[in-house]
Amino acid sequence: MRFEGVRFAYPDGTLALEDLDLHVRPGETVALVGATGGGKSTVARLAARFYDTDAGRVLLDGVDVRDYPLATLRDRVGIVPDEPFLFSMSLHELMRDRTTIVVAHRLATIGLADRVVLIENGRAVASGTHATLLATEPRYAAVLAASGREVSA
């Protein structure tokens, strides 16, 4: 799945995403991390076409998601909330062998991801493993600390 130059604003004019570029490789699990209101959930909703972009495009297997019938797209794209009480199976089992974008709120979920993407003010500003981002990206550690998440690698 690829997000190319995506811009999205809510009907009230609130800008959620601005020039977002993000590539999720087939079979990869990406955890989106960021402050509340930074655009994480909007990314997931655009992937499943609960919203359409104002600019840019979202591609699935090289095809714009707007070109898929909604039922077909939603069979192929799932939104994984980070809420443990919703699942009868573990989040790890749910994500196995799938291309997955997770809006991550818990450190345990972040740890399951192949890659973590820091979303800030509607943009992907950093990407890497949890340990790498902790070591190299002060904004990542600050987001985790502000949310009360443990910040040790």
N, C-alpha and C. Protein backbone atom coordinates (compact mmCIF):
# COMPACT_ATOMS: atom_id res chain seq x y z
N MET A 1 0.86 -1.16 0.00
CA MET A 1 0.00 0.00 0.00
C MET A 1 0.90 1.22 0.00
N ARG A 2 0.51 2.20 -0.79
CA ARG A 2 1.32 3.41 -0.90
C ARG A 2 0.43 4.64 -0.81
N PHE A 3 0.88 5.60 -0.02
CA PHE A 3 0.24 6.92 0.10
C PHE A 3 1.19 7.90 -0.57
N GLU A 4 0.71 8.60 -1.58
CA GLU A 4 1.56 9.51 -2.34
C GLU A 4 1.01 10.93 -2.28
N GLY A 5 1.73 11.81 -1.59
CA GLY A 5 1.35 13.21 -1.53
C GLY A 5 -0.06 13.45 -1.02
N VAL A 6 -0.48 12.65 -0.05
CA VAL A 6 -1.87 12.69 0.41
C VAL A 6 -2.13 13.91 1.29
N ARG A 7 -3.22 14.57 0.95
CA ARG A 7 -3.73 15.68 1.76
C ARG A 7 -5.18 15.35 2.08
N PHE A 8 -5.58 15.60 3.33
CA PHE A 8 -6.96 15.38 3.72
C PHE A 8 -7.35 16.37 4.81
N ALA A 9 -8.49 17.00 4.62
CA ALA A 9 -9.07 17.88 5.63
C ALA A 9 -10.51 17.42 5.89
N TYR A 10 -10.93 17.51 7.14
CA TYR A 10 -12.30 17.16 7.50
C TYR A 10 -13.25 18.25 7.01
N PRO A 11 -14.54 17.95 6.93
CA PRO A 11 -15.50 18.93 6.40
C PRO A 11 -15.48 20.28 7.13
N ASP A 12 -15.10 20.27 8.41
CA ASP A 12 -15.04 21.55 9.15
C ASP A 12 -13.77 22.34 8.84
N GLY A 13 -12.92 21.80 7.95
CA GLY A 13 -11.70 22.49 7.56
C GLY A 13 -10.46 22.06 8.32
N THR A 14 -10.61 21.21 9.32
CA THR A 14 -9.46 20.75 10.10
C THR A 14 -8.55 19.88 9.22
N LEU A 15 -7.31 20.34 9.05
CA LEU A 15 -6.36 19.60 8.23
C LEU A 15 -5.81 18.42 9.02
N ALA A 16 -5.97 17.22 8.47
CA ALA A 16 -5.50 16.02 9.16
C ALA A 16 -4.20 15.49 8.58
N LEU A 17 -4.06 15.54 7.24
CA LEU A 17 -2.85 15.05 6.57
C LEU A 17 -2.42 16.07 5.53
N GLU A 18 -1.12 16.28 5.44
CA GLU A 18 -0.57 17.23 4.47
C GLU A 18 0.66 16.63 3.83
N ASP A 19 0.57 16.33 2.54
CA ASP A 19 1.69 15.81 1.77
C ASP A 19 2.29 14.53 2.39
N LEU A 20 1.40 13.62 2.80
CA LEU A 20 1.84 12.36 3.41
C LEU A 20 2.34 11.40 2.34
N ASP A 21 3.56 10.93 2.53
CA ASP A 21 4.14 9.87 1.70
C ASP A 21 4.48 8.70 2.61
N LEU A 22 3.95 7.53 2.28
CA LEU A 22 4.17 6.35 3.10
C LEU A 22 4.04 5.12 2.21
N HIS A 23 5.00 4.20 2.31
CA HIS A 23 4.94 2.96 1.56
C HIS A 23 4.98 1.81 2.56
N VAL A 24 3.99 0.95 2.50
CA VAL A 24 3.93 -0.25 3.33
C VAL A 24 4.12 -1.43 2.37
N ARG A 25 5.22 -2.14 2.55
CA ARG A 25 5.55 -3.25 1.65
C ARG A 25 4.62 -4.45 1.90
N PRO A 26 4.41 -5.27 0.88
CA PRO A 26 3.57 -6.46 1.05
C PRO A 26 4.06 -7.33 2.21
N GLY A 27 3.15 -7.70 3.09
CA GLY A 27 3.48 -8.53 4.23
C GLY A 27 4.07 -7.78 5.42
N GLU A 28 4.30 -6.48 5.28
CA GLU A 28 4.92 -5.69 6.35
C GLU A 28 3.85 -5.19 7.32
N THR A 29 4.22 -5.15 8.60
CA THR A 29 3.37 -4.55 9.62
C THR A 29 4.00 -3.23 10.05
N VAL A 30 3.24 -2.16 9.89
CA VAL A 30 3.71 -0.82 10.24
C VAL A 30 2.83 -0.28 11.36
N ALA A 31 3.48 0.17 12.42
CA ALA A 31 2.78 0.82 13.53
C ALA A 31 2.86 2.32 13.34
N LEU A 32 1.72 2.99 13.32
CA LEU A 32 1.68 4.44 13.26
C LEU A 32 1.64 4.97 14.68
N VAL A 33 2.58 5.85 15.00
CA VAL A 33 2.69 6.40 16.34
C VAL A 33 2.72 7.92 16.22
N GLY A 34 2.08 8.58 17.16
CA GLY A 34 2.10 10.04 17.16
C GLY A 34 1.12 10.57 18.19
N ALA A 35 1.17 11.87 18.36
CA ALA A 35 0.29 12.53 19.32
C ALA A 35 -1.16 12.43 18.86
N THR A 36 -2.07 12.56 19.80
CA THR A 36 -3.50 12.60 19.48
C THR A 36 -3.76 13.73 18.49
N GLY A 37 -4.52 13.42 17.45
CA GLY A 37 -4.85 14.42 16.45
C GLY A 37 -3.80 14.60 15.38
N GLY A 38 -2.78 13.76 15.38
CA GLY A 38 -1.69 13.90 14.42
C GLY A 38 -1.97 13.33 13.05
N GLY A 39 -3.04 12.50 12.90
CA GLY A 39 -3.40 11.96 11.60
C GLY A 39 -3.33 10.45 11.47
N LYS A 40 -2.97 9.75 12.54
CA LYS A 40 -2.80 8.29 12.48
C LYS A 40 -4.08 7.57 12.05
N SER A 41 -5.17 7.84 12.71
CA SER A 41 -6.43 7.17 12.39
C SER A 41 -6.93 7.55 11.01
N THR A 42 -6.66 8.76 10.59
CA THR A 42 -7.07 9.20 9.26
C THR A 42 -6.37 8.37 8.19
N VAL A 43 -5.10 8.05 8.39
CA VAL A 43 -4.36 7.20 7.44
C VAL A 43 -5.09 5.87 7.28
N ALA A 44 -5.46 5.25 8.39
CA ALA A 44 -6.15 3.96 8.34
C ALA A 44 -7.50 4.08 7.64
N ARG A 45 -8.21 5.15 7.92
CA ARG A 45 -9.54 5.32 7.31
C ARG A 45 -9.45 5.60 5.81
N LEU A 46 -8.40 6.27 5.38
CA LEU A 46 -8.20 6.49 3.95
C LEU A 46 -7.86 5.18 3.24
N ALA A 47 -7.11 4.32 3.92
CA ALA A 47 -6.74 3.03 3.33
C ALA A 47 -7.97 2.21 2.99
N ALA A 48 -8.97 2.25 3.85
CA ALA A 48 -10.21 1.49 3.63
C ALA A 48 -11.29 2.32 2.94
N ARG A 49 -10.93 3.53 2.55
CA ARG A 49 -11.82 4.45 1.84
C ARG A 49 -13.07 4.82 2.61
N PHE A 50 -12.90 4.99 3.91
CA PHE A 50 -13.98 5.61 4.67
C PHE A 50 -14.01 7.10 4.34
N TYR A 51 -12.88 7.60 3.86
CA TYR A 51 -12.75 8.96 3.33
C TYR A 51 -11.98 8.86 2.02
N ASP A 52 -12.10 9.89 1.20
CA ASP A 52 -11.28 10.04 0.01
C ASP A 52 -10.32 11.20 0.23
N THR A 53 -9.17 11.12 -0.40
CA THR A 53 -8.17 12.17 -0.27
C THR A 53 -8.66 13.46 -0.94
N ASP A 54 -8.15 14.58 -0.45
CA ASP A 54 -8.38 15.87 -1.11
C ASP A 54 -7.34 16.08 -2.22
N ALA A 55 -6.17 15.51 -2.01
CA ALA A 55 -5.09 15.57 -3.00
C ALA A 55 -4.22 14.34 -2.80
N GLY A 56 -3.46 13.99 -3.82
CA GLY A 56 -2.63 12.79 -3.75
C GLY A 56 -3.47 11.55 -3.96
N ARG A 57 -2.85 10.41 -3.69
CA ARG A 57 -3.60 9.17 -3.90
C ARG A 57 -3.11 8.07 -2.97
N VAL A 58 -3.98 7.09 -2.79
CA VAL A 58 -3.69 5.90 -2.01
C VAL A 58 -3.77 4.73 -2.98
N LEU A 59 -2.68 3.95 -3.04
CA LEU A 59 -2.61 2.83 -3.98
C LEU A 59 -2.54 1.51 -3.24
N LEU A 60 -3.24 0.53 -3.75
CA LEU A 60 -3.17 -0.84 -3.26
C LEU A 60 -2.78 -1.70 -4.45
N ASP A 61 -1.64 -2.34 -4.36
CA ASP A 61 -1.11 -3.14 -5.48
C ASP A 61 -1.01 -2.30 -6.75
N GLY A 62 -0.64 -1.04 -6.61
CA GLY A 62 -0.45 -0.15 -7.75
C GLY A 62 -1.72 0.45 -8.32
N VAL A 63 -2.86 0.14 -7.73
CA VAL A 63 -4.16 0.63 -8.22
C VAL A 63 -4.73 1.61 -7.19
N ASP A 64 -5.20 2.75 -7.68
CA ASP A 64 -5.82 3.74 -6.80
C ASP A 64 -7.01 3.09 -6.09
N VAL A 65 -7.10 3.26 -4.77
CA VAL A 65 -8.19 2.63 -4.02
C VAL A 65 -9.56 3.10 -4.51
N ARG A 66 -9.63 4.28 -5.12
CA ARG A 66 -10.90 4.78 -5.65
C ARG A 66 -11.38 3.97 -6.85
N ASP A 67 -10.48 3.19 -7.45
CA ASP A 67 -10.85 2.36 -8.60
C ASP A 67 -11.37 0.97 -8.21
N TYR A 68 -11.29 0.63 -6.94
CA TYR A 68 -11.82 -0.64 -6.45
C TYR A 68 -13.29 -0.46 -6.05
N PRO A 69 -14.14 -1.44 -6.31
CA PRO A 69 -15.46 -1.42 -5.67
C PRO A 69 -15.25 -1.48 -4.15
N LEU A 70 -16.05 -0.73 -3.40
CA LEU A 70 -15.85 -0.66 -1.95
C LEU A 70 -15.82 -2.03 -1.29
N ALA A 71 -16.72 -2.91 -1.66
CA ALA A 71 -16.77 -4.23 -1.03
C ALA A 71 -15.47 -4.99 -1.27
N THR A 72 -14.93 -4.91 -2.48
CA THR A 72 -13.67 -5.58 -2.80
C THR A 72 -12.53 -4.98 -2.00
N LEU A 73 -12.46 -3.66 -1.97
CA LEU A 73 -11.40 -2.99 -1.23
C LEU A 73 -11.44 -3.37 0.25
N ARG A 74 -12.61 -3.34 0.83
CA ARG A 74 -12.72 -3.60 2.27
C ARG A 74 -12.52 -5.07 2.60
N ASP A 75 -12.65 -5.96 1.62
CA ASP A 75 -12.26 -7.35 1.81
C ASP A 75 -10.75 -7.47 1.87
N ARG A 76 -10.05 -6.57 1.21
CA ARG A 76 -8.58 -6.64 1.09
C ARG A 76 -7.86 -5.78 2.10
N VAL A 77 -8.54 -4.78 2.68
CA VAL A 77 -7.91 -3.85 3.62
C VAL A 77 -8.66 -3.92 4.94
N GLY A 78 -7.92 -4.15 6.00
CA GLY A 78 -8.52 -4.16 7.32
C GLY A 78 -7.90 -3.10 8.20
N ILE A 79 -8.70 -2.53 9.06
CA ILE A 79 -8.21 -1.57 10.04
C ILE A 79 -8.06 -2.34 11.34
N VAL A 80 -6.88 -2.24 11.95
CA VAL A 80 -6.62 -2.95 13.20
C VAL A 80 -6.52 -1.95 14.32
N PRO A 81 -7.57 -1.83 15.14
CA PRO A 81 -7.46 -0.95 16.30
C PRO A 81 -6.60 -1.60 17.37
N ASP A 82 -5.98 -0.80 18.18
CA ASP A 82 -5.10 -1.31 19.23
C ASP A 82 -5.87 -1.40 20.54
N GLU A 83 -6.96 -2.16 20.51
CA GLU A 83 -7.82 -2.32 21.68
C GLU A 83 -7.90 -3.80 22.02
N PRO A 84 -7.26 -4.24 23.12
CA PRO A 84 -7.15 -5.67 23.39
C PRO A 84 -8.47 -6.37 23.64
N PHE A 85 -9.49 -5.69 24.10
CA PHE A 85 -10.74 -6.36 24.43
C PHE A 85 -11.55 -6.72 23.19
N LEU A 86 -11.14 -6.26 22.01
CA LEU A 86 -11.90 -6.54 20.80
C LEU A 86 -11.56 -7.87 20.15
N PHE A 87 -10.46 -8.50 20.55
CA PHE A 87 -9.97 -9.66 19.83
C PHE A 87 -10.08 -10.93 20.64
N SER A 88 -10.53 -12.01 19.98
CA SER A 88 -10.50 -13.31 20.63
C SER A 88 -9.16 -13.99 20.36
N MET A 89 -8.43 -13.51 19.34
CA MET A 89 -7.09 -14.01 19.07
C MET A 89 -6.11 -12.89 19.37
N SER A 90 -4.84 -13.23 19.46
CA SER A 90 -3.86 -12.20 19.77
C SER A 90 -3.67 -11.30 18.56
N LEU A 91 -3.24 -10.07 18.81
CA LEU A 91 -2.96 -9.14 17.74
C LEU A 91 -1.88 -9.69 16.82
N HIS A 92 -0.91 -10.40 17.40
CA HIS A 92 0.17 -10.98 16.60
C HIS A 92 -0.39 -12.00 15.61
N GLU A 93 -1.33 -12.85 16.06
CA GLU A 93 -1.95 -13.83 15.16
C GLU A 93 -2.74 -13.13 14.06
N LEU A 94 -3.43 -12.06 14.41
CA LEU A 94 -4.24 -11.31 13.45
C LEU A 94 -3.37 -10.69 12.37
N MET A 95 -2.17 -10.23 12.74
CA MET A 95 -1.30 -9.52 11.80
C MET A 95 -0.41 -10.43 10.97
N ARG A 96 -0.29 -11.70 11.35
CA ARG A 96 0.67 -12.59 10.70
C ARG A 96 0.44 -12.71 9.20
N ASP A 97 1.53 -12.55 8.44
CA ASP A 97 1.53 -12.73 6.97
C ASP A 97 0.56 -11.81 6.24
N ARG A 98 0.31 -10.64 6.78
CA ARG A 98 -0.57 -9.68 6.13
C ARG A 98 0.12 -8.33 6.07
N THR A 99 -0.25 -7.56 5.09
CA THR A 99 0.16 -6.16 5.06
C THR A 99 -0.75 -5.44 6.03
N THR A 100 -0.17 -4.85 7.07
CA THR A 100 -0.98 -4.33 8.16
C THR A 100 -0.51 -2.95 8.57
N ILE A 101 -1.47 -2.05 8.72
CA ILE A 101 -1.21 -0.74 9.29
C ILE A 101 -1.95 -0.70 10.62
N VAL A 102 -1.21 -0.46 11.70
CA VAL A 102 -1.80 -0.44 13.02
C VAL A 102 -1.66 0.96 13.61
N VAL A 103 -2.76 1.51 14.09
CA VAL A 103 -2.71 2.74 14.86
C VAL A 103 -2.35 2.31 16.27
N ALA A 104 -1.09 2.51 16.63
CA ALA A 104 -0.54 1.91 17.86
C ALA A 104 -0.63 2.85 19.05
N HIS A 105 -1.19 2.33 20.13
CA HIS A 105 -1.28 3.07 21.38
C HIS A 105 -0.51 2.38 22.50
N ARG A 106 -0.17 1.12 22.31
CA ARG A 106 0.51 0.36 23.36
C ARG A 106 1.90 -0.05 22.89
N LEU A 107 2.84 0.00 23.81
CA LEU A 107 4.22 -0.36 23.48
C LEU A 107 4.31 -1.81 23.00
N ALA A 108 3.48 -2.70 23.56
CA ALA A 108 3.51 -4.10 23.14
C ALA A 108 3.15 -4.23 21.66
N THR A 109 2.21 -3.42 21.19
CA THR A 109 1.83 -3.44 19.78
C THR A 109 2.94 -2.87 18.92
N ILE A 110 3.55 -1.80 19.37
CA ILE A 110 4.66 -1.19 18.63
C ILE A 110 5.77 -2.22 18.44
N GLY A 111 6.02 -3.01 19.48
CA GLY A 111 7.07 -4.01 19.42
C GLY A 111 6.82 -5.11 18.42
N LEU A 112 5.56 -5.35 18.05
CA LEU A 112 5.22 -6.39 17.07
C LEU A 112 5.44 -5.93 15.63
N ALA A 113 5.56 -4.63 15.44
CA ALA A 113 5.64 -4.08 14.09
C ALA A 113 7.03 -4.29 13.48
N ASP A 114 7.05 -4.48 12.17
CA ASP A 114 8.32 -4.52 11.45
C ASP A 114 8.95 -3.14 11.40
N ARG A 115 8.08 -2.13 11.34
CA ARG A 115 8.55 -0.76 11.23
C ARG A 115 7.57 0.16 11.94
N VAL A 116 8.10 1.22 12.52
CA VAL A 116 7.31 2.24 13.20
C VAL A 116 7.42 3.52 12.38
N VAL A 117 6.29 4.18 12.16
CA VAL A 117 6.29 5.46 11.46
C VAL A 117 5.73 6.50 12.41
N LEU A 118 6.50 7.55 12.63
CA LEU A 118 6.07 8.66 13.48
C LEU A 118 5.30 9.64 12.62
N ILE A 119 4.05 9.87 13.00
CA ILE A 119 3.18 10.82 12.30
C ILE A 119 3.10 12.07 13.16
N GLU A 120 3.41 13.20 12.55
CA GLU A 120 3.38 14.47 13.27
C GLU A 120 2.77 15.53 12.36
N ASN A 121 1.73 16.18 12.84
CA ASN A 121 1.06 17.22 12.06
C ASN A 121 0.71 16.77 10.65
N GLY A 122 0.22 15.53 10.55
CA GLY A 122 -0.25 15.03 9.27
C GLY A 122 0.80 14.56 8.30
N ARG A 123 2.04 14.43 8.77
CA ARG A 123 3.14 13.99 7.90
C ARG A 123 3.88 12.83 8.55
N ALA A 124 4.43 11.95 7.73
CA ALA A 124 5.33 10.91 8.23
C ALA A 124 6.70 11.57 8.37
N VAL A 125 7.16 11.75 9.62
CA VAL A 125 8.39 12.51 9.85
C VAL A 125 9.59 11.63 10.20
N ALA A 126 9.35 10.37 10.55
CA ALA A 126 10.45 9.46 10.86
C ALA A 126 9.95 8.03 10.72
N SER A 127 10.89 7.14 10.40
CA SER A 127 10.53 5.74 10.18
C SER A 127 11.71 4.87 10.57
N GLY A 128 11.43 3.75 11.22
CA GLY A 128 12.48 2.81 11.60
C GLY A 128 11.94 1.83 12.63
N THR A 129 12.82 1.06 13.21
CA THR A 129 12.40 0.17 14.30
C THR A 129 12.21 1.00 15.55
N HIS A 130 11.52 0.42 16.51
CA HIS A 130 11.33 1.09 17.80
C HIS A 130 12.68 1.49 18.40
N ALA A 131 13.62 0.56 18.44
CA ALA A 131 14.93 0.83 19.06
C ALA A 131 15.68 1.92 18.31
N THR A 132 15.65 1.87 16.97
CA THR A 132 16.35 2.88 16.18
C THR A 132 15.76 4.27 16.40
N LEU A 133 14.43 4.36 16.39
CA LEU A 133 13.80 5.66 16.60
C LEU A 133 14.07 6.20 18.00
N LEU A 134 14.07 5.33 19.00
CA LEU A 134 14.41 5.79 20.35
C LEU A 134 15.82 6.37 20.40
N ALA A 135 16.73 5.75 19.68
CA ALA A 135 18.13 6.18 19.71
C ALA A 135 18.39 7.42 18.86
N THR A 136 17.57 7.64 17.82
CA THR A 136 17.91 8.69 16.86
C THR A 136 16.88 9.80 16.70
N GLU A 137 15.69 9.61 17.23
CA GLU A 137 14.61 10.56 16.98
C GLU A 137 13.99 11.06 18.28
N PRO A 138 14.44 12.23 18.77
CA PRO A 138 13.91 12.75 20.04
C PRO A 138 12.40 12.95 20.03
N ARG A 139 11.82 13.27 18.89
CA ARG A 139 10.36 13.47 18.83
C ARG A 139 9.62 12.17 19.13
N TYR A 140 10.18 11.05 18.72
CA TYR A 140 9.56 9.75 18.99
C TYR A 140 9.54 9.46 20.48
N ALA A 141 10.69 9.61 21.12
CA ALA A 141 10.77 9.40 22.57
C ALA A 141 9.84 10.35 23.31
N ALA A 142 9.73 11.58 22.82
CA ALA A 142 8.86 12.57 23.47
C ALA A 142 7.38 12.17 23.36
N VAL A 143 6.97 11.65 22.21
CA VAL A 143 5.58 11.20 22.03
C VAL A 143 5.28 10.05 22.97
N LEU A 144 6.20 9.10 23.06
CA LEU A 144 5.99 7.96 23.97
C LEU A 144 5.93 8.42 25.42
N ALA A 145 6.83 9.31 25.80
CA ALA A 145 6.85 9.80 27.18
C ALA A 145 5.59 10.60 27.50
N ALA A 146 5.13 11.42 26.57
CA ALA A 146 3.95 12.24 26.80
C ALA A 146 2.69 11.38 26.95
N SER A 147 2.69 10.22 26.31
CA SER A 147 1.52 9.35 26.40
C SER A 147 1.60 8.38 27.57
N GLY A 148 2.71 8.45 28.31
CA GLY A 148 2.88 7.57 29.45
C GLY A 148 3.40 6.20 29.10
N ARG A 149 3.86 6.01 27.87
CA ARG A 149 4.40 4.72 27.46
C ARG A 149 5.84 4.62 27.91
N GLU A 150 6.25 3.42 28.24
CA GLU A 150 7.63 3.14 28.60
C GLU A 150 8.52 3.45 27.40
N VAL A 151 9.67 4.10 27.63
CA VAL A 151 10.51 4.51 26.51
C VAL A 151 11.82 3.75 26.41
N SER A 152 11.98 2.66 27.13
CA SER A 152 13.22 1.89 27.00
C SER A 152 13.14 1.01 25.78
N ALA A 153 14.31 0.77 25.18
CA ALA A 153 14.36 -0.11 24.00
C ALA A 153 14.31 -1.50 24.50
